[in-house]
Amino acid sequence: MFWTVWLILALVALVAGFAGWVRMAPSDPARWHVPVPTTENRDMPGGVIRVVPGRADRLADLDAIIRATPRTDVLAGSADTGRITYIARSKLWGFPDYATVEAREGDLLIHSRLRFGQSDMGVNRARVEDWLRRLGQG
């Protein structure tokens, strides 16, 4: 009985520590606020890249949509600079995903990707498609 209680307490402490680490891990703009790596649509296990041709003029509109998304904050950049990176956190654990939106050569580019793990189970794709739908581009 004594060891069972200690084992349960240790497991609770591990889970709480993991949750705290995920939520408090620093986000380095130098690592995440970088140019979108391609100008082609791409689906990956841990993220997605979407290109909206000829719509760089909609960057400020997309910025407003993304800022209104629950649990989403700006990490770096602005519409004025042509590139913005956001942190969007999952509801339960607070896992961070990073989304960079960029106006480049007349196009609007979006790169949304996970930080922890290998697969996001389609979360980034669904989020980006929702943003584009709300922008009238999806």
Protein backbone atom coordinates (compact mmCIF):
# COMPACT_ATOMS: atom_id res chain seq x y z
CA MET A 1 0.00 0.00 0.00
CA PHE A 2 2.79 2.42 0.95
CA TRP A 3 4.62 1.84 -2.35
CA THR A 4 1.41 2.14 -4.33
CA VAL A 5 0.76 5.62 -2.95
CA TRP A 6 4.33 6.69 -3.70
CA LEU A 7 4.11 5.26 -7.21
CA ILE A 8 0.89 7.15 -7.88
CA LEU A 9 2.39 10.37 -6.50
CA ALA A 10 5.50 9.90 -8.64
CA LEU A 11 3.39 9.36 -11.77
CA VAL A 12 1.30 12.45 -11.02
CA ALA A 13 4.50 14.47 -10.51
CA LEU A 14 5.92 13.20 -13.83
CA VAL A 15 2.76 14.07 -15.74
CA ALA A 16 2.57 17.52 -14.12
CA GLY A 17 6.27 18.11 -14.82
CA PHE A 18 5.85 17.11 -18.46
CA ALA A 19 2.81 19.38 -18.84
CA GLY A 20 4.70 22.27 -17.28
CA TRP A 21 7.73 21.69 -19.47
CA VAL A 22 5.61 21.64 -22.65
CA ARG A 23 3.88 24.90 -21.70
CA MET A 24 6.97 26.69 -20.42
CA ALA A 25 9.64 25.61 -22.92
CA PRO A 26 11.07 28.80 -24.46
CA SER A 27 10.28 29.60 -28.09
CA ASP A 28 13.30 31.02 -29.87
CA PRO A 29 12.25 33.36 -32.70
CA ALA A 30 15.60 32.71 -34.43
CA ARG A 31 14.56 29.07 -34.82
CA TRP A 32 10.88 29.50 -35.71
CA HIS A 33 10.51 32.92 -37.36
CA VAL A 34 12.21 31.94 -40.60
CA PRO A 35 11.19 32.13 -44.28
CA VAL A 36 8.72 29.53 -45.51
CA PRO A 37 11.02 26.86 -47.02
CA THR A 38 9.18 26.30 -50.32
CA THR A 39 6.70 27.98 -52.63
CA GLU A 40 4.70 24.80 -53.28
CA ASN A 41 1.84 23.21 -51.34
CA ARG A 42 3.12 20.38 -49.19
CA ASP A 43 1.69 18.00 -46.59
CA MET A 44 4.07 16.51 -44.04
CA PRO A 45 3.53 14.24 -41.00
CA GLY A 46 4.22 17.19 -38.68
CA GLY A 47 2.80 20.09 -40.63
CA VAL A 48 1.70 21.70 -43.85
CA ILE A 49 2.72 24.39 -46.32
CA ARG A 50 0.08 26.23 -48.31
CA VAL A 51 0.56 28.83 -51.03
CA VAL A 52 -2.19 31.22 -52.07
CA PRO A 53 -1.05 32.61 -55.44
CA GLY A 54 -1.38 36.33 -56.03
CA ARG A 55 -2.82 37.11 -52.59
CA ALA A 56 0.05 38.74 -50.70
CA ASP A 57 -2.26 41.73 -50.32
CA ARG A 58 -4.36 39.65 -47.88
CA LEU A 59 -1.61 39.24 -45.26
CA ALA A 60 -3.16 41.76 -42.86
CA ASP A 61 -6.58 40.11 -43.23
CA LEU A 62 -5.12 36.69 -42.50
CA ASP A 63 -3.23 38.14 -39.53
CA ALA A 64 -6.53 39.34 -38.04
CA ILE A 65 -8.09 35.89 -38.53
CA ILE A 66 -5.16 34.11 -36.92
CA ARG A 67 -4.99 36.52 -33.97
CA ALA A 68 -8.68 35.75 -33.30
CA THR A 69 -7.93 32.01 -33.11
CA PRO A 70 -8.14 30.71 -29.52
CA ARG A 71 -4.82 29.93 -27.79
CA THR A 72 -2.82 31.62 -30.57
CA ASP A 73 -0.25 34.38 -30.00
CA VAL A 74 2.31 36.21 -32.12
CA LEU A 75 5.89 35.04 -31.58
CA ALA A 76 7.57 37.51 -33.95
CA GLY A 77 7.02 39.73 -36.96
CA SER A 78 4.16 41.83 -38.26
CA ALA A 79 2.12 42.41 -41.38
CA ASP A 80 4.25 45.51 -42.02
CA THR A 81 7.43 43.41 -42.22
CA GLY A 82 5.78 40.80 -44.47
CA ARG A 83 6.28 37.82 -42.15
CA ILE A 84 4.57 36.80 -38.91
CA THR A 85 5.10 33.69 -36.81
CA TYR A 86 2.45 32.53 -34.36
CA ILE A 87 2.33 29.95 -31.58
CA ALA A 88 -0.92 28.00 -31.49
CA ARG A 89 -1.37 25.74 -28.46
CA SER A 90 -3.50 22.62 -28.10
CA LYS A 91 -6.39 22.89 -25.68
CA LEU A 92 -5.59 20.05 -23.27
CA TRP A 93 -1.79 19.88 -23.00
CA GLY A 94 -0.77 23.20 -24.48
CA PHE A 95 1.49 21.64 -27.12
CA PRO A 96 2.90 24.45 -29.29
CA ASP A 97 2.60 24.51 -33.05
CA TYR A 98 4.32 27.26 -35.02
CA ALA A 99 2.73 28.91 -38.03
CA THR A 100 4.68 31.34 -40.21
CA VAL A 101 2.72 33.45 -42.66
CA GLU A 102 4.64 35.35 -45.30
CA ALA A 103 3.98 37.65 -48.25
CA ARG A 104 6.52 36.83 -50.94
CA GLU A 105 6.65 37.78 -54.62
CA GLY A 106 2.92 38.50 -54.66
CA ASP A 107 1.93 35.21 -53.02
CA LEU A 108 0.75 34.38 -49.51
CA LEU A 109 2.67 31.47 -47.96
CA ILE A 110 1.79 29.58 -44.77
CA HIS A 111 3.99 27.04 -42.99
CA SER A 112 2.43 25.44 -39.92
CA ARG A 113 4.38 22.76 -38.03
CA LEU A 114 4.66 21.00 -34.72
CA ARG A 115 7.43 21.39 -32.18
CA PHE A 116 7.21 18.15 -30.22
CA GLY A 117 6.69 14.69 -31.69
CA GLN A 118 6.65 13.34 -35.21
CA SER A 119 3.02 13.56 -36.27
CA ASP A 120 0.40 16.19 -35.58
CA MET A 121 -2.47 13.92 -36.73
CA GLY A 122 -3.59 16.56 -39.24
CA VAL A 123 -4.07 19.36 -36.72
CA ASN A 124 -1.92 21.91 -38.56
CA ARG A 125 -3.55 21.12 -41.90
CA ALA A 126 -7.04 21.52 -40.45
CA ARG A 127 -6.08 24.79 -38.74
CA VAL A 128 -4.55 26.28 -41.91
CA GLU A 129 -7.49 25.16 -44.05
CA ASP A 130 -9.87 26.81 -41.56
CA TRP A 131 -7.88 30.06 -41.73
CA LEU A 132 -7.95 29.98 -45.53
CA ARG A 133 -11.67 29.19 -45.60
CA ARG A 134 -12.33 32.17 -43.31
CA LEU A 135 -10.14 34.29 -45.59
CA GLY A 136 -12.31 33.19 -48.52
CA GLN A 137 -9.48 31.21 -50.14
CA GLY A 138 -10.34 27.67 -49.08
